[in-house]
Amino acid sequence: MVDDRNEEVGYKEAEAAHFEECTHSNVDGEARWLKKGGQSHYGCKRHTATDENGLILAEVTTPANQSDIKNLNSSLDKLDLPQDTLVLTDKGYRSAENEAYLKGRKLRSGLMHRAQKDKPLNSPRKPLIV
């Protein structure tokens, strides 16, 4: 019989290494909690810029608790868009700062308008649903 290893040697070190490995969290360190519609969600958001065919041109991933308003320019800065390009977004990106950013880059704003409390959107500002 060949005795090529000794089970007792290194057992304590291996056990300690295994314990240390198992105590690390498997949760993404950059993800965050967000409460939306009364429900808590954990994760990240993706801010994706696509062309009119849905082809992804740029994407930025942020923690879920970060506002959309702050991330329009981070997505668009990755792109070399021609002047007068129409940029369409949902109402989460609408702000005076983002309007000024688009104007500074000579892009047309298609940021959706938000309805104000107790004031519905008038017909020219209603989104087109196809």
N, C-alpha and C. Protein backbone atom coordinates (compact mmCIF):
# COMPACT_ATOMS: atom_id res chain seq x y z
N MET A 1 0.84 -1.18 0.00
CA MET A 1 0.00 0.00 0.00
C MET A 1 0.88 1.24 0.00
N VAL A 2 0.53 2.20 -0.84
CA VAL A 2 1.32 3.42 -0.97
C VAL A 2 0.73 4.48 -0.07
N ASP A 3 1.58 5.10 0.72
CA ASP A 3 1.13 6.18 1.62
C ASP A 3 1.66 7.49 1.06
N ASP A 4 0.89 8.14 0.14
CA ASP A 4 1.36 9.36 -0.51
C ASP A 4 0.82 10.64 0.12
N ARG A 5 -0.06 10.52 1.09
CA ARG A 5 -0.53 11.74 1.76
C ARG A 5 -0.93 11.42 3.19
N ASN A 6 -0.88 12.43 3.98
CA ASN A 6 -1.24 12.27 5.38
C ASN A 6 -2.46 13.16 5.63
N GLU A 7 -3.60 12.60 5.95
CA GLU A 7 -4.85 13.32 6.13
C GLU A 7 -4.80 14.37 7.24
N GLU A 8 -4.00 14.14 8.25
CA GLU A 8 -3.97 15.05 9.40
C GLU A 8 -3.18 16.33 9.13
N VAL A 9 -2.20 16.27 8.24
CA VAL A 9 -1.37 17.44 7.96
C VAL A 9 -2.18 18.43 7.13
N GLY A 10 -2.27 19.65 7.60
CA GLY A 10 -2.97 20.71 6.89
C GLY A 10 -4.47 20.73 7.09
N TYR A 11 -5.03 19.85 7.89
CA TYR A 11 -6.47 19.78 8.08
C TYR A 11 -7.02 21.04 8.74
N LYS A 12 -6.33 21.51 9.79
CA LYS A 12 -6.79 22.71 10.51
C LYS A 12 -6.75 23.94 9.60
N GLU A 13 -5.68 24.08 8.81
CA GLU A 13 -5.56 25.22 7.89
C GLU A 13 -6.65 25.18 6.82
N ALA A 14 -6.92 23.97 6.31
CA ALA A 14 -7.96 23.83 5.28
C ALA A 14 -9.33 24.14 5.85
N GLU A 15 -9.58 23.71 7.07
CA GLU A 15 -10.86 23.99 7.71
C GLU A 15 -11.03 25.49 7.93
N ALA A 16 -9.97 26.18 8.36
CA ALA A 16 -10.03 27.63 8.58
C ALA A 16 -10.24 28.36 7.27
N ALA A 17 -9.58 27.94 6.20
CA ALA A 17 -9.74 28.57 4.89
C ALA A 17 -11.16 28.37 4.38
N HIS A 18 -11.70 27.18 4.57
CA HIS A 18 -13.07 26.92 4.12
C HIS A 18 -14.07 27.79 4.88
N PHE A 19 -13.87 27.94 6.18
CA PHE A 19 -14.76 28.76 6.98
C PHE A 19 -14.69 30.21 6.54
N GLU A 20 -13.50 30.72 6.27
CA GLU A 20 -13.32 32.11 5.83
C GLU A 20 -14.01 32.33 4.48
N GLU A 21 -13.86 31.37 3.58
CA GLU A 21 -14.47 31.48 2.26
C GLU A 21 -15.99 31.53 2.36
N CYS A 22 -16.57 30.74 3.24
CA CYS A 22 -18.02 30.66 3.36
C CYS A 22 -18.64 31.86 4.07
N THR A 23 -17.85 32.66 4.77
CA THR A 23 -18.40 33.79 5.49
C THR A 23 -18.53 35.03 4.61
N HIS A 24 -17.94 35.03 3.41
CA HIS A 24 -18.07 36.17 2.51
C HIS A 24 -19.47 36.17 1.90
N SER A 25 -20.04 37.36 1.79
CA SER A 25 -21.38 37.49 1.24
C SER A 25 -21.38 37.24 -0.27
N ASN A 26 -22.41 36.61 -0.77
CA ASN A 26 -22.56 36.41 -2.21
C ASN A 26 -23.41 37.50 -2.84
N VAL A 27 -23.67 38.56 -2.08
CA VAL A 27 -24.52 39.64 -2.54
C VAL A 27 -23.67 40.71 -3.21
N ASP A 28 -24.17 41.28 -4.29
CA ASP A 28 -23.47 42.33 -5.00
C ASP A 28 -23.28 43.53 -4.09
N GLY A 29 -22.06 43.97 -3.91
CA GLY A 29 -21.75 45.08 -3.01
C GLY A 29 -22.22 46.43 -3.51
N GLU A 30 -22.49 46.55 -4.81
CA GLU A 30 -22.93 47.83 -5.37
C GLU A 30 -24.44 47.95 -5.46
N ALA A 31 -25.16 46.87 -5.29
CA ALA A 31 -26.62 46.90 -5.36
C ALA A 31 -27.19 47.58 -4.11
N ARG A 32 -28.36 48.16 -4.23
CA ARG A 32 -28.99 48.87 -3.11
C ARG A 32 -30.48 48.57 -3.08
N TRP A 33 -31.10 48.89 -1.92
CA TRP A 33 -32.54 48.72 -1.74
C TRP A 33 -33.27 49.94 -2.26
N LEU A 34 -34.45 49.70 -2.81
CA LEU A 34 -35.31 50.75 -3.33
C LEU A 34 -36.74 50.37 -2.99
N LYS A 35 -37.52 51.34 -2.53
CA LYS A 35 -38.94 51.09 -2.27
C LYS A 35 -39.74 51.75 -3.38
N LYS A 36 -40.51 50.93 -4.09
CA LYS A 36 -41.29 51.44 -5.22
C LYS A 36 -42.69 50.83 -5.15
N GLY A 37 -43.68 51.66 -5.11
CA GLY A 37 -45.06 51.17 -5.03
C GLY A 37 -45.33 50.39 -3.76
N GLY A 38 -44.65 50.75 -2.67
CA GLY A 38 -44.86 50.09 -1.40
C GLY A 38 -44.11 48.77 -1.26
N GLN A 39 -43.39 48.36 -2.30
CA GLN A 39 -42.63 47.12 -2.23
C GLN A 39 -41.14 47.41 -2.29
N SER A 40 -40.36 46.66 -1.53
CA SER A 40 -38.91 46.82 -1.52
C SER A 40 -38.29 45.95 -2.60
N HIS A 41 -37.33 46.53 -3.31
CA HIS A 41 -36.60 45.82 -4.36
C HIS A 41 -35.11 46.01 -4.10
N TYR A 42 -34.33 44.97 -4.36
CA TYR A 42 -32.88 45.02 -4.18
C TYR A 42 -32.23 44.79 -5.52
N GLY A 43 -31.29 45.65 -5.89
CA GLY A 43 -30.59 45.40 -7.15
C GLY A 43 -30.01 46.65 -7.75
N CYS A 44 -29.96 46.64 -9.07
CA CYS A 44 -29.36 47.71 -9.85
C CYS A 44 -30.32 48.14 -10.95
N LYS A 45 -30.06 49.31 -11.54
CA LYS A 45 -30.81 49.79 -12.69
C LYS A 45 -29.86 49.85 -13.88
N ARG A 46 -30.40 49.59 -15.04
CA ARG A 46 -29.62 49.75 -16.26
C ARG A 46 -30.21 50.92 -17.05
N HIS A 47 -29.36 51.85 -17.41
CA HIS A 47 -29.74 52.99 -18.24
C HIS A 47 -29.18 52.70 -19.63
N THR A 48 -30.09 52.38 -20.54
CA THR A 48 -29.69 51.87 -21.85
C THR A 48 -30.07 52.85 -22.95
N ALA A 49 -29.10 53.14 -23.82
CA ALA A 49 -29.36 53.97 -25.00
C ALA A 49 -29.42 53.03 -26.20
N THR A 50 -30.52 53.11 -26.95
CA THR A 50 -30.70 52.26 -28.12
C THR A 50 -30.99 53.11 -29.35
N ASP A 51 -30.84 52.52 -30.52
CA ASP A 51 -31.26 53.21 -31.73
C ASP A 51 -32.75 52.92 -31.97
N GLU A 52 -33.29 53.41 -33.07
CA GLU A 52 -34.73 53.24 -33.32
C GLU A 52 -35.13 51.79 -33.53
N ASN A 53 -34.18 50.90 -33.80
CA ASN A 53 -34.46 49.48 -33.98
C ASN A 53 -34.28 48.68 -32.71
N GLY A 54 -33.87 49.32 -31.61
CA GLY A 54 -33.68 48.62 -30.35
C GLY A 54 -32.28 48.09 -30.14
N LEU A 55 -31.36 48.38 -31.07
CA LEU A 55 -29.97 47.95 -30.93
C LEU A 55 -29.30 48.77 -29.82
N ILE A 56 -28.69 48.10 -28.87
CA ILE A 56 -28.07 48.80 -27.73
C ILE A 56 -26.80 49.50 -28.19
N LEU A 57 -26.73 50.81 -27.91
CA LEU A 57 -25.57 51.61 -28.26
C LEU A 57 -24.69 51.89 -27.06
N ALA A 58 -25.29 52.04 -25.89
CA ALA A 58 -24.55 52.31 -24.66
C ALA A 58 -25.41 51.89 -23.48
N GLU A 59 -24.73 51.54 -22.38
CA GLU A 59 -25.45 51.15 -21.18
C GLU A 59 -24.63 51.51 -19.95
N VAL A 60 -25.33 52.00 -18.93
CA VAL A 60 -24.71 52.34 -17.64
C VAL A 60 -25.52 51.63 -16.56
N THR A 61 -24.84 50.98 -15.62
CA THR A 61 -25.51 50.29 -14.52
C THR A 61 -25.25 51.07 -13.24
N THR A 62 -26.33 51.34 -12.49
CA THR A 62 -26.23 52.09 -11.24
C THR A 62 -27.00 51.36 -10.14
N PRO A 63 -26.75 51.70 -8.87
CA PRO A 63 -27.56 51.12 -7.79
C PRO A 63 -29.02 51.49 -7.97
N ALA A 64 -29.92 50.64 -7.52
CA ALA A 64 -31.35 50.84 -7.71
C ALA A 64 -31.87 52.11 -7.04
N ASN A 65 -31.22 52.55 -5.97
CA ASN A 65 -31.72 53.72 -5.25
C ASN A 65 -31.26 55.04 -5.85
N GLN A 66 -30.52 55.02 -6.94
CA GLN A 66 -30.04 56.25 -7.57
C GLN A 66 -31.08 56.76 -8.57
N SER A 67 -31.34 58.04 -8.55
CA SER A 67 -32.35 58.64 -9.41
C SER A 67 -31.97 58.58 -10.89
N ASP A 68 -32.97 58.40 -11.75
CA ASP A 68 -32.74 58.39 -13.19
C ASP A 68 -32.25 59.75 -13.68
N ILE A 69 -32.71 60.82 -13.06
CA ILE A 69 -32.39 62.17 -13.50
C ILE A 69 -30.88 62.39 -13.61
N LYS A 70 -30.12 61.78 -12.72
CA LYS A 70 -28.68 62.00 -12.68
C LYS A 70 -27.90 61.16 -13.69
N ASN A 71 -28.57 60.31 -14.46
CA ASN A 71 -27.84 59.36 -15.30
C ASN A 71 -28.06 59.49 -16.79
N LEU A 72 -28.75 60.53 -17.24
CA LEU A 72 -28.94 60.72 -18.67
C LEU A 72 -27.60 61.00 -19.35
N ASN A 73 -26.84 61.93 -18.80
CA ASN A 73 -25.59 62.30 -19.46
C ASN A 73 -24.55 61.18 -19.42
N SER A 74 -24.55 60.34 -18.39
CA SER A 74 -23.57 59.25 -18.35
C SER A 74 -23.79 58.26 -19.49
N SER A 75 -25.04 58.05 -19.89
CA SER A 75 -25.32 57.17 -21.03
C SER A 75 -24.99 57.85 -22.35
N LEU A 76 -25.39 59.11 -22.48
CA LEU A 76 -25.20 59.81 -23.75
C LEU A 76 -23.75 60.21 -23.99
N ASP A 77 -22.96 60.39 -22.92
CA ASP A 77 -21.55 60.75 -23.09
C ASP A 77 -20.76 59.66 -23.79
N LYS A 78 -21.24 58.44 -23.75
CA LYS A 78 -20.57 57.32 -24.42
C LYS A 78 -20.82 57.30 -25.92
N LEU A 79 -21.74 58.14 -26.39
CA LEU A 79 -22.14 58.13 -27.79
C LEU A 79 -21.69 59.39 -28.52
N ASP A 80 -21.40 59.23 -29.79
CA ASP A 80 -21.08 60.38 -30.64
C ASP A 80 -22.29 60.60 -31.54
N LEU A 81 -23.31 61.26 -30.99
CA LEU A 81 -24.55 61.47 -31.73
C LEU A 81 -24.45 62.70 -32.62
N PRO A 82 -24.98 62.62 -33.83
CA PRO A 82 -24.99 63.80 -34.70
C PRO A 82 -25.92 64.87 -34.13
N GLN A 83 -25.64 66.12 -34.48
CA GLN A 83 -26.49 67.22 -34.02
C GLN A 83 -27.92 67.01 -34.51
N ASP A 84 -28.85 67.53 -33.75
CA ASP A 84 -30.28 67.49 -34.06
C ASP A 84 -30.88 66.08 -33.94
N THR A 85 -30.20 65.17 -33.25
CA THR A 85 -30.75 63.84 -33.00
C THR A 85 -31.82 63.95 -31.91
N LEU A 86 -32.96 63.31 -32.13
CA LEU A 86 -34.04 63.31 -31.14
C LEU A 86 -33.73 62.26 -30.08
N VAL A 87 -33.70 62.68 -28.81
CA VAL A 87 -33.44 61.78 -27.69
C VAL A 87 -34.75 61.57 -26.95
N LEU A 88 -35.26 60.34 -26.98
CA LEU A 88 -36.53 60.00 -26.33
C LEU A 88 -36.24 59.28 -25.02
N THR A 89 -36.88 59.72 -23.94
CA THR A 89 -36.71 59.07 -22.64
C THR A 89 -38.05 59.03 -21.92
N ASP A 90 -38.10 58.26 -20.84
CA ASP A 90 -39.30 58.29 -20.02
C ASP A 90 -39.24 59.49 -19.08
N LYS A 91 -40.31 59.71 -18.35
CA LYS A 91 -40.41 60.92 -17.52
C LYS A 91 -39.47 60.94 -16.32
N GLY A 92 -38.84 59.82 -16.00
CA GLY A 92 -37.89 59.77 -14.89
C GLY A 92 -36.64 60.57 -15.15
N TYR A 93 -36.34 60.88 -16.41
CA TYR A 93 -35.13 61.64 -16.77
C TYR A 93 -35.39 63.13 -16.93
N ARG A 94 -36.64 63.56 -16.81
CA ARG A 94 -36.97 64.96 -17.07
C ARG A 94 -36.50 65.86 -15.95
N SER A 95 -35.69 66.87 -16.32
CA SER A 95 -35.26 67.92 -15.40
C SER A 95 -34.73 69.08 -16.23
N ALA A 96 -34.68 70.25 -15.62
CA ALA A 96 -34.13 71.42 -16.31
C ALA A 96 -32.65 71.19 -16.64
N GLU A 97 -31.96 70.51 -15.74
CA GLU A 97 -30.54 70.21 -15.95
C GLU A 97 -30.34 69.33 -17.19
N ASN A 98 -31.17 68.31 -17.36
CA ASN A 98 -31.05 67.42 -18.51
C ASN A 98 -31.46 68.12 -19.80
N GLU A 99 -32.46 68.99 -19.72
CA GLU A 99 -32.86 69.79 -20.89
C GLU A 99 -31.69 70.66 -21.34
N ALA A 100 -31.00 71.29 -20.38
CA ALA A 100 -29.85 72.14 -20.70
C ALA A 100 -28.70 71.31 -21.27
N TYR A 101 -28.51 70.11 -20.73
CA TYR A 101 -27.46 69.21 -21.24
C TYR A 101 -27.72 68.87 -22.71
N LEU A 102 -28.96 68.51 -23.04
CA LEU A 102 -29.30 68.18 -24.42
C LEU A 102 -29.13 69.39 -25.33
N LYS A 103 -29.54 70.55 -24.85
CA LYS A 103 -29.40 71.77 -25.64
C LYS A 103 -27.91 72.08 -25.88
N GLY A 104 -27.09 71.87 -24.85
CA GLY A 104 -25.66 72.11 -24.98
C GLY A 104 -24.99 71.18 -25.98
N ARG A 105 -25.49 69.96 -26.11
CA ARG A 105 -24.96 69.00 -27.08
C ARG A 105 -25.67 69.11 -28.43
N LYS A 106 -26.58 70.07 -28.55
CA LYS A 106 -27.35 70.32 -29.77
C LYS A 106 -28.16 69.09 -30.20
N LEU A 107 -28.80 68.48 -29.19
CA LEU A 107 -29.68 67.34 -29.42
C LEU A 107 -31.12 67.78 -29.14
N ARG A 108 -32.07 67.19 -29.83
CA ARG A 108 -33.48 67.54 -29.61
C ARG A 108 -34.02 66.74 -28.44
N SER A 109 -34.77 67.41 -27.59
CA SER A 109 -35.30 66.78 -26.40
C SER A 109 -36.63 66.09 -26.68
N GLY A 110 -36.68 64.83 -26.29
CA GLY A 110 -37.92 64.07 -26.34
C GLY A 110 -38.23 63.53 -24.96
N LEU A 111 -37.79 64.27 -23.93
CA LEU A 111 -38.04 63.84 -22.55
C LEU A 111 -39.52 63.94 -22.26
N MET A 112 -40.13 62.87 -21.82
CA MET A 112 -41.57 62.88 -21.54
C MET A 112 -41.88 63.84 -20.41
N HIS A 113 -43.03 64.47 -20.48
CA HIS A 113 -43.48 65.40 -19.43
C HIS A 113 -44.16 64.62 -18.32
N ARG A 114 -44.05 65.15 -17.12
CA ARG A 114 -44.74 64.56 -15.97
C ARG A 114 -46.02 65.33 -15.71
N ALA A 115 -47.05 64.62 -15.33
CA ALA A 115 -48.28 65.28 -14.90
C ALA A 115 -48.04 65.80 -13.49
N GLN A 116 -48.53 67.02 -13.22
CA GLN A 116 -48.41 67.58 -11.88
C GLN A 116 -49.61 67.12 -11.06
N LYS A 117 -49.45 67.16 -9.76
CA LYS A 117 -50.52 66.72 -8.87
C LYS A 117 -51.81 67.48 -9.17
N ASP A 118 -52.88 66.77 -9.36
CA ASP A 118 -54.21 67.32 -9.65
C ASP A 118 -54.27 68.08 -10.97
N LYS A 119 -53.28 67.91 -11.85
CA LYS A 119 -53.29 68.55 -13.17
C LYS A 119 -52.88 67.52 -14.21
N PRO A 120 -53.85 66.94 -14.92
CA PRO A 120 -53.49 65.96 -15.94
C PRO A 120 -52.75 66.63 -17.11
N LEU A 121 -52.01 65.84 -17.88
CA LEU A 121 -51.32 66.38 -19.05
C LEU A 121 -52.34 66.82 -20.08
N ASN A 122 -52.08 67.97 -20.72
CA ASN A 122 -52.96 68.39 -21.80
C ASN A 122 -52.62 67.56 -23.04
N SER A 123 -53.49 67.53 -24.02
CA SER A 123 -53.36 66.61 -25.15
C SER A 123 -52.04 66.69 -25.93
N PRO A 124 -51.43 67.85 -26.18
CA PRO A 124 -50.18 67.84 -26.94
C PRO A 124 -49.03 67.15 -26.18
N ARG A 125 -49.13 67.05 -24.88
CA ARG A 125 -48.05 66.45 -24.09
C ARG A 125 -48.31 65.00 -23.72
N LYS A 126 -49.46 64.47 -24.09
CA LYS A 126 -49.74 63.09 -23.80
C LYS A 126 -48.87 62.20 -24.68
N PRO A 127 -48.36 61.10 -24.12
CA PRO A 127 -47.51 60.22 -24.92
C PRO A 127 -48.30 59.49 -25.98
N LEU A 128 -47.66 59.23 -27.09
CA LEU A 128 -48.27 58.48 -28.16
C LEU A 128 -48.12 56.99 -27.86
N ILE A 129 -49.22 56.28 -27.81
CA ILE A 129 -49.20 54.86 -27.52
C ILE A 129 -49.55 54.13 -28.81
N VAL A 130 -48.64 53.30 -29.27
CA VAL A 130 -48.85 52.58 -30.55
C VAL A 130 -49.15 51.13 -30.26
